[in-house]
PDB file of all heavy atoms in Angstrom:
ATOM      1  N   GLU A   1     -18.676 -15.651  -1.197  1.00  0.00           N
ATOM      2  CA  GLU A   1     -19.664 -15.105  -2.128  1.00  0.00           C
ATOM      3  C   GLU A   1     -20.594 -14.128  -1.419  1.00  0.00           C
ATOM      4  O   GLU A   1     -20.871 -13.032  -1.918  1.00  0.00           O
ATOM      5  CB  GLU A   1     -20.458 -16.251  -2.768  1.00  0.00           C
ATOM      6  CG  GLU A   1     -21.415 -15.827  -3.847  1.00  0.00           C
ATOM      7  CD  GLU A   1     -20.746 -15.206  -5.069  1.00  0.00           C
ATOM      8  OE1 GLU A   1     -19.512 -15.295  -5.236  1.00  0.00           O
ATOM      9  OE2 GLU A   1     -21.487 -14.614  -5.867  1.00  0.00           O
ATOM     10  N   ILE A   2     -21.070 -14.492  -0.235  1.00  0.00           N
ATOM     11  CA  ILE A   2     -21.974 -13.630   0.528  1.00  0.00           C
ATOM     12  C   ILE A   2     -21.330 -12.264   0.779  1.00  0.00           C
ATOM     13  O   ILE A   2     -21.959 -11.223   0.628  1.00  0.00           O
ATOM     14  CB  ILE A   2     -22.362 -14.292   1.876  1.00  0.00           C
ATOM     15  CG1 ILE A   2     -23.250 -15.518   1.634  1.00  0.00           C
ATOM     16  CG2 ILE A   2     -23.071 -13.292   2.795  1.00  0.00           C
ATOM     17  CD1 ILE A   2     -23.451 -16.409   2.854  1.00  0.00           C
ATOM     18  N   PHE A   3     -20.057 -12.281   1.166  1.00  0.00           N
ATOM     19  CA  PHE A   3     -19.367 -11.038   1.513  1.00  0.00           C
ATOM     20  C   PHE A   3     -18.733 -10.336   0.316  1.00  0.00           C
ATOM     21  O   PHE A   3     -17.983  -9.377   0.503  1.00  0.00           O
ATOM     22  CB  PHE A   3     -18.316 -11.300   2.599  1.00  0.00           C
ATOM     23  CG  PHE A   3     -18.909 -11.747   3.900  1.00  0.00           C
ATOM     24  CD1 PHE A   3     -18.487 -12.920   4.504  1.00  0.00           C
ATOM     25  CD2 PHE A   3     -19.913 -11.015   4.525  1.00  0.00           C
ATOM     26  CE1 PHE A   3     -19.033 -13.345   5.705  1.00  0.00           C
ATOM     27  CE2 PHE A   3     -20.474 -11.428   5.721  1.00  0.00           C
ATOM     28  CZ  PHE A   3     -20.034 -12.597   6.319  1.00  0.00           C
ATOM     29  N   GLN A   4     -19.011 -10.812  -0.904  1.00  0.00           N
ATOM     30  CA  GLN A   4     -18.500 -10.183  -2.135  1.00  0.00           C
ATOM     31  C   GLN A   4     -16.975 -10.052  -2.120  1.00  0.00           C
ATOM     32  O   GLN A   4     -16.417  -9.088  -2.644  1.00  0.00           O
ATOM     33  CB  GLN A   4     -19.091  -8.787  -2.331  1.00  0.00           C
ATOM     34  CG  GLN A   4     -20.590  -8.725  -2.379  1.00  0.00           C
ATOM     35  CD  GLN A   4     -21.056  -7.324  -2.712  1.00  0.00           C
ATOM     36  OE1 GLN A   4     -20.654  -6.748  -3.723  1.00  0.00           O
ATOM     37  NE2 GLN A   4     -21.901  -6.763  -1.881  1.00  0.00           N
ATOM     38  N   THR A   5     -16.300 -11.025  -1.529  1.00  0.00           N
ATOM     39  CA  THR A   5     -14.850 -10.950  -1.343  1.00  0.00           C
ATOM     40  C   THR A   5     -14.109 -10.757  -2.662  1.00  0.00           C
ATOM     41  O   THR A   5     -13.228  -9.894  -2.768  1.00  0.00           O
ATOM     42  CB  THR A   5     -14.350 -12.224  -0.630  1.00  0.00           C
ATOM     43  OG1 THR A   5     -15.107 -12.382   0.578  1.00  0.00           O
ATOM     44  CG2 THR A   5     -12.882 -12.130  -0.302  1.00  0.00           C
ATOM     45  N   ILE A   6     -14.449 -11.541  -3.678  1.00  0.00           N
ATOM     46  CA  ILE A   6     -13.721 -11.461  -4.955  1.00  0.00           C
ATOM     47  C   ILE A   6     -14.022 -10.134  -5.664  1.00  0.00           C
ATOM     48  O   ILE A   6     -13.131  -9.524  -6.248  1.00  0.00           O
ATOM     49  CB  ILE A   6     -14.055 -12.658  -5.880  1.00  0.00           C
ATOM     50  CG1 ILE A   6     -13.885 -13.994  -5.159  1.00  0.00           C
ATOM     51  CG2 ILE A   6     -13.231 -12.601  -7.157  1.00  0.00           C
ATOM     52  CD1 ILE A   6     -12.472 -14.350  -4.759  1.00  0.00           C
ATOM     53  N   TYR A   7     -15.280  -9.688  -5.580  1.00  0.00           N
ATOM     54  CA  TYR A   7     -15.644  -8.403  -6.190  1.00  0.00           C
ATOM     55  C   TYR A   7     -14.839  -7.264  -5.560  1.00  0.00           C
ATOM     56  O   TYR A   7     -14.270  -6.424  -6.262  1.00  0.00           O
ATOM     57  CB  TYR A   7     -17.146  -8.155  -6.046  1.00  0.00           C
ATOM     58  CG  TYR A   7     -17.582  -6.815  -6.569  1.00  0.00           C
ATOM     59  CD1 TYR A   7     -17.481  -6.517  -7.934  1.00  0.00           C
ATOM     60  CD2 TYR A   7     -18.079  -5.833  -5.724  1.00  0.00           C
ATOM     61  CE1 TYR A   7     -17.868  -5.276  -8.426  1.00  0.00           C
ATOM     62  CE2 TYR A   7     -18.475  -4.595  -6.212  1.00  0.00           C
ATOM     63  CZ  TYR A   7     -18.365  -4.323  -7.556  1.00  0.00           C
ATOM     64  OH  TYR A   7     -18.742  -3.090  -8.050  1.00  0.00           O
ATOM     65  N   GLU A   8     -14.758  -7.263  -4.229  1.00  0.00           N
ATOM     66  CA  GLU A   8     -13.998  -6.215  -3.547  1.00  0.00           C
ATOM     67  C   GLU A   8     -12.508  -6.297  -3.891  1.00  0.00           C
ATOM     68  O   GLU A   8     -11.854  -5.272  -4.095  1.00  0.00           O
ATOM     69  CB  GLU A   8     -14.217  -6.291  -2.034  1.00  0.00           C
ATOM     70  CG  GLU A   8     -15.617  -5.838  -1.663  1.00  0.00           C
ATOM     71  CD  GLU A   8     -15.936  -5.983  -0.177  1.00  0.00           C
ATOM     72  OE1 GLU A   8     -15.014  -6.265   0.615  1.00  0.00           O
ATOM     73  OE2 GLU A   8     -17.115  -5.798   0.163  1.00  0.00           O
ATOM     74  N   GLU A   9     -11.992  -7.523  -3.982  1.00  0.00           N
ATOM     75  CA  GLU A   9     -10.594  -7.731  -4.377  1.00  0.00           C
ATOM     76  C   GLU A   9     -10.352  -7.137  -5.769  1.00  0.00           C
ATOM     77  O   GLU A   9      -9.366  -6.444  -6.006  1.00  0.00           O
ATOM     78  CB  GLU A   9     -10.328  -9.239  -4.382  1.00  0.00           C
ATOM     79  CG  GLU A   9      -8.908  -9.662  -4.526  1.00  0.00           C
ATOM     80  CD  GLU A   9      -8.762 -11.188  -4.489  1.00  0.00           C
ATOM     81  OE1 GLU A   9      -8.947 -11.793  -3.414  1.00  0.00           O
ATOM     82  OE2 GLU A   9      -8.474 -11.771  -5.555  1.00  0.00           O
ATOM     83  N   ALA A  10     -11.278  -7.389  -6.692  1.00  0.00           N
ATOM     84  CA  ALA A  10     -11.154  -6.872  -8.064  1.00  0.00           C
ATOM     85  C   ALA A  10     -11.237  -5.344  -8.085  1.00  0.00           C
ATOM     86  O   ALA A  10     -10.480  -4.683  -8.806  1.00  0.00           O
ATOM     87  CB  ALA A  10     -12.237  -7.477  -8.956  1.00  0.00           C
ATOM     88  N   MET A  11     -12.140  -4.785  -7.279  1.00  0.00           N
ATOM     89  CA  MET A  11     -12.295  -3.323  -7.240  1.00  0.00           C
ATOM     90  C   MET A  11     -11.030  -2.650  -6.700  1.00  0.00           C
ATOM     91  O   MET A  11     -10.702  -1.534  -7.096  1.00  0.00           O
ATOM     92  CB  MET A  11     -13.512  -2.932  -6.388  1.00  0.00           C
ATOM     93  CG  MET A  11     -14.841  -3.301  -7.033  1.00  0.00           C
ATOM     94  SD  MET A  11     -15.170  -2.401  -8.563  1.00  0.00           S
ATOM     95  CE  MET A  11     -15.714  -0.832  -7.886  1.00  0.00           C
ATOM     96  N   GLU A  12     -10.330  -3.325  -5.787  1.00  0.00           N
ATOM     97  CA  GLU A  12      -9.098  -2.763  -5.246  1.00  0.00           C
ATOM     98  C   GLU A  12      -7.913  -2.955  -6.195  1.00  0.00           C
ATOM     99  O   GLU A  12      -7.002  -2.138  -6.222  1.00  0.00           O
ATOM    100  CB  GLU A  12      -8.779  -3.413  -3.894  1.00  0.00           C
ATOM    101  CG  GLU A  12      -9.695  -2.945  -2.789  1.00  0.00           C
ATOM    102  CD  GLU A  12      -9.490  -3.706  -1.484  1.00  0.00           C
ATOM    103  OE1 GLU A  12      -8.409  -4.294  -1.289  1.00  0.00           O
ATOM    104  OE2 GLU A  12     -10.430  -3.713  -0.667  1.00  0.00           O
ATOM    105  N   ALA A  13      -7.931  -4.027  -6.980  1.00  0.00           N
ATOM    106  CA  ALA A  13      -6.781  -4.362  -7.829  1.00  0.00           C
ATOM    107  C   ALA A  13      -6.811  -3.681  -9.203  1.00  0.00           C
ATOM    108  O   ALA A  13      -5.769  -3.516  -9.828  1.00  0.00           O
ATOM    109  CB  ALA A  13      -6.694  -5.882  -8.014  1.00  0.00           C
ATOM    110  N   TYR A  14      -7.996  -3.289  -9.674  1.00  0.00           N
ATOM    111  CA  TYR A  14      -8.147  -2.745 -11.025  1.00  0.00           C
ATOM    112  C   TYR A  14      -8.935  -1.446 -10.993  1.00  0.00           C
ATOM    113  O   TYR A  14      -9.636  -1.162 -10.032  1.00  0.00           O
ATOM    114  CB  TYR A  14      -8.854  -3.766 -11.938  1.00  0.00           C
ATOM    115  CG  TYR A  14      -8.110  -5.080 -11.973  1.00  0.00           C
ATOM    116  CD1 TYR A  14      -8.493  -6.135 -11.159  1.00  0.00           C
ATOM    117  CD2 TYR A  14      -6.985  -5.243 -12.776  1.00  0.00           C
ATOM    118  CE1 TYR A  14      -7.780  -7.328 -11.150  1.00  0.00           C
ATOM    119  CE2 TYR A  14      -6.269  -6.426 -12.780  1.00  0.00           C
ATOM    120  CZ  TYR A  14      -6.674  -7.465 -11.956  1.00  0.00           C
ATOM    121  OH  TYR A  14      -5.955  -8.628 -11.947  1.00  0.00           O
ATOM    122  N   LYS A  15      -8.836  -0.680 -12.086  1.00  0.00           N
ATOM    123  CA  LYS A  15      -9.620   0.548 -12.190  1.00  0.00           C
ATOM    124  C   LYS A  15     -11.104   0.182 -12.119  1.00  0.00           C
ATOM    125  O   LYS A  15     -11.561  -0.728 -12.805  1.00  0.00           O
ATOM    126  CB  LYS A  15      -9.322   1.260 -13.503  1.00  0.00           C
ATOM    127  CG  LYS A  15      -7.946   1.859 -13.575  1.00  0.00           C
ATOM    128  CD  LYS A  15      -7.824   2.739 -14.827  1.00  0.00           C
ATOM    129  CE  LYS A  15      -6.383   3.098 -15.080  1.00  0.00           C
ATOM    130  NZ  LYS A  15      -5.780   2.260 -16.146  1.00  0.00           N
ATOM    131  N   GLU A  16     -11.827   0.938 -11.298  1.00  0.00           N
ATOM    132  CA  GLU A  16     -13.248   0.664 -11.065  1.00  0.00           C
ATOM    133  C   GLU A  16     -14.040   0.506 -12.364  1.00  0.00           C
ATOM    134  O   GLU A  16     -14.904  -0.356 -12.472  1.00  0.00           O
ATOM    135  CB  GLU A  16     -13.831   1.830 -10.256  1.00  0.00           C
ATOM    136  CG  GLU A  16     -14.799   1.425  -9.196  1.00  0.00           C
ATOM    137  CD  GLU A  16     -15.165   2.609  -8.317  1.00  0.00           C
ATOM    138  OE1 GLU A  16     -14.365   2.997  -7.440  1.00  0.00           O
ATOM    139  OE2 GLU A  16     -16.277   3.138  -8.542  1.00  0.00           O
ATOM    140  N   GLU A  17     -13.723   1.342 -13.353  1.00  0.00           N
ATOM    141  CA  GLU A  17     -14.529   1.348 -14.584  1.00  0.00           C
ATOM    142  C   GLU A  17     -14.359   0.090 -15.441  1.00  0.00           C
ATOM    143  O   GLU A  17     -15.161  -0.150 -16.339  1.00  0.00           O
ATOM    144  CB  GLU A  17     -14.277   2.609 -15.416  1.00  0.00           C
ATOM    145  CG  GLU A  17     -12.850   2.795 -15.877  1.00  0.00           C
ATOM    146  CD  GLU A  17     -11.980   3.611 -14.913  1.00  0.00           C
ATOM    147  OE1 GLU A  17     -12.346   3.762 -13.729  1.00  0.00           O
ATOM    148  OE2 GLU A  17     -10.921   4.082 -15.355  1.00  0.00           O
ATOM    149  N   ILE A  18     -13.335  -0.719 -15.169  1.00  0.00           N
ATOM    150  CA  ILE A  18     -13.195  -1.947 -15.965  1.00  0.00           C
ATOM    151  C   ILE A  18     -13.733  -3.184 -15.243  1.00  0.00           C
ATOM    152  O   ILE A  18     -13.732  -4.267 -15.798  1.00  0.00           O
ATOM    153  CB  ILE A  18     -11.745  -2.191 -16.447  1.00  0.00           C
ATOM    154  CG1 ILE A  18     -10.820  -2.631 -15.320  1.00  0.00           C
ATOM    155  CG2 ILE A  18     -11.206  -0.963 -17.199  1.00  0.00           C
ATOM    156  CD1 ILE A  18      -9.531  -3.286 -15.804  1.00  0.00           C
ATOM    157  N   VAL A  19     -14.194  -3.023 -13.986  1.00  0.00           N
ATOM    158  CA  VAL A  19     -14.693  -4.162 -13.206  1.00  0.00           C
ATOM    159  C   VAL A  19     -16.213  -4.211 -13.280  1.00  0.00           C
ATOM    160  O   VAL A  19     -16.890  -3.229 -12.977  1.00  0.00           O
ATOM    161  CB  VAL A  19     -14.235  -4.070 -11.731  1.00  0.00           C
ATOM    162  CG1 VAL A  19     -14.804  -5.225 -10.918  1.00  0.00           C
ATOM    163  CG2 VAL A  19     -12.715  -4.040 -11.635  1.00  0.00           C
ATOM    164  N   HIS A  20     -16.744  -5.365 -13.698  1.00  0.00           N
ATOM    165  CA  HIS A  20     -18.197  -5.525 -13.860  1.00  0.00           C
ATOM    166  C   HIS A  20     -18.657  -6.828 -13.220  1.00  0.00           C
ATOM    167  O   HIS A  20     -17.994  -7.855 -13.360  1.00  0.00           O
ATOM    168  CB  HIS A  20     -18.563  -5.544 -15.349  1.00  0.00           C
ATOM    169  CG  HIS A  20     -18.093  -4.333 -16.081  1.00  0.00           C
ATOM    170  ND1 HIS A  20     -18.819  -3.177 -16.129  1.00  0.00           N
ATOM    171  CD2 HIS A  20     -16.943  -4.097 -16.754  1.00  0.00           C
ATOM    172  CE1 HIS A  20     -18.144  -2.272 -16.818  1.00  0.00           C
ATOM    173  NE2 HIS A  20     -17.001  -2.809 -17.213  1.00  0.00           N
ATOM    174  N   GLN A  21     -19.818  -6.780 -12.547  1.00  0.00           N
ATOM    175  CA  GLN A  21     -20.404  -7.989 -11.979  1.00  0.00           C
ATOM    176  C   GLN A  21     -21.402  -8.571 -12.977  1.00  0.00           C
ATOM    177  O   GLN A  21     -22.141  -7.834 -13.625  1.00  0.00           O
ATOM    178  CB  GLN A  21     -21.152  -7.669 -10.683  1.00  0.00           C
ATOM    179  CG  GLN A  21     -20.256  -7.211  -9.562  1.00  0.00           C
ATOM    180  CD  GLN A  21     -21.024  -7.089  -8.258  1.00  0.00           C
ATOM    181  OE1 GLN A  21     -21.367  -8.088  -7.657  1.00  0.00           O
ATOM    182  NE2 GLN A  21     -21.290  -5.864  -7.845  1.00  0.00           N
ATOM    183  N   LEU A  22     -21.413  -9.896 -13.076  1.00  0.00           N
ATOM    184  CA  LEU A  22     -22.377 -10.592 -13.936  1.00  0.00           C
ATOM    185  C   LEU A  22     -23.085 -11.657 -13.109  1.00  0.00           C
ATOM    186  O   LEU A  22     -22.432 -12.425 -12.402  1.00  0.00           O
ATOM    187  CB  LEU A  22     -21.658 -11.283 -15.105  1.00  0.00           C
ATOM    188  CG  LEU A  22     -20.922 -10.410 -16.113  1.00  0.00           C
ATOM    189  CD1 LEU A  22     -20.189 -11.292 -17.114  1.00  0.00           C
ATOM    190  CD2 LEU A  22     -21.883  -9.471 -16.825  1.00  0.00           C
ATOM    191  N   HIS A  23     -24.414 -11.699 -13.218  1.00  0.00           N
ATOM    192  CA  HIS A  23     -25.160 -12.763 -12.538  1.00  0.00           C
ATOM    193  C   HIS A  23     -24.961 -14.065 -13.300  1.00  0.00           C
ATOM    194  O   HIS A  23     -24.997 -14.090 -14.529  1.00  0.00           O
ATOM    195  CB  HIS A  23     -26.651 -12.421 -12.455  1.00  0.00           C
ATOM    196  CG  HIS A  23     -26.907 -11.276 -11.537  1.00  0.00           C
ATOM    197  ND1 HIS A  23     -26.805 -11.381 -10.171  1.00  0.00           N
ATOM    198  CD2 HIS A  23     -27.213  -9.985 -11.788  1.00  0.00           C
ATOM    199  CE1 HIS A  23     -27.063 -10.207  -9.619  1.00  0.00           C
ATOM    200  NE2 HIS A  23     -27.304  -9.338 -10.588  1.00  0.00           N
ATOM    201  N   SER A  24     -24.766 -15.143 -12.571  1.00  0.00           N
ATOM    202  CA  SER A  24     -24.473 -16.440 -13.186  1.00  0.00           C
ATOM    203  C   SER A  24     -25.231 -17.539 -12.452  1.00  0.00           C
ATOM    204  O   SER A  24     -24.663 -18.330 -11.714  1.00  0.00           O
ATOM    205  CB  SER A  24     -22.961 -16.685 -13.137  1.00  0.00           C
ATOM    206  OG  SER A  24     -22.642 -17.914 -13.726  1.00  0.00           O
ATOM    207  N   ASN A  25     -26.558 -17.541 -12.646  1.00  0.00           N
ATOM    208  CA  ASN A  25     -27.411 -18.511 -11.961  1.00  0.00           C
ATOM    209  C   ASN A  25     -28.074 -19.518 -12.897  1.00  0.00           C
ATOM    210  O   ASN A  25     -28.281 -20.652 -12.528  1.00  0.00           O
ATOM    211  CB  ASN A  25     -28.513 -17.785 -11.180  1.00  0.00           C
ATOM    212  CG  ASN A  25     -27.947 -16.999 -10.024  1.00  0.00           C
ATOM    213  OD1 ASN A  25     -27.357 -17.558  -9.111  1.00  0.00           O
ATOM    214  ND2 ASN A  25     -28.103 -15.684 -10.074  1.00  0.00           N
ATOM    215  N   THR A  26     -28.397 -19.077 -14.110  1.00  0.00           N
ATOM    216  CA  THR A  26     -29.214 -19.893 -15.015  1.00  0.00           C
ATOM    217  C   THR A  26     -28.560 -19.984 -16.393  1.00  0.00           C
ATOM    218  O   THR A  26     -27.685 -19.165 -16.722  1.00  0.00           O
ATOM    219  CB  THR A  26     -30.606 -19.239 -15.209  1.00  0.00           C
ATOM    220  OG1 THR A  26     -30.410 -17.965 -15.867  1.00  0.00           O
ATOM    221  CG2 THR A  26     -31.331 -19.028 -13.877  1.00  0.00           C
ATOM    222  N   PRO A  27     -29.003 -20.934 -17.213  1.00  0.00           N
ATOM    223  CA  PRO A  27     -28.523 -20.971 -18.605  1.00  0.00           C
ATOM    224  C   PRO A  27     -28.830 -19.661 -19.348  1.00  0.00           C
ATOM    225  O   PRO A  27     -28.051 -19.238 -20.204  1.00  0.00           O
ATOM    226  CB  PRO A  27     -29.296 -22.146 -19.212  1.00  0.00           C
ATOM    227  CG  PRO A  27     -29.599 -23.036 -18.040  1.00  0.00           C
ATOM    228  CD  PRO A  27     -29.846 -22.092 -16.888  1.00  0.00           C
TER     229      PRO A  27
END
């Protein structure tokens, strides 16, 4: 999570414009 591994994986696997980060900390 610290190194944004999954985000970077997604950015490499899919077109940049369809990849979005969402914060998921609270209800």
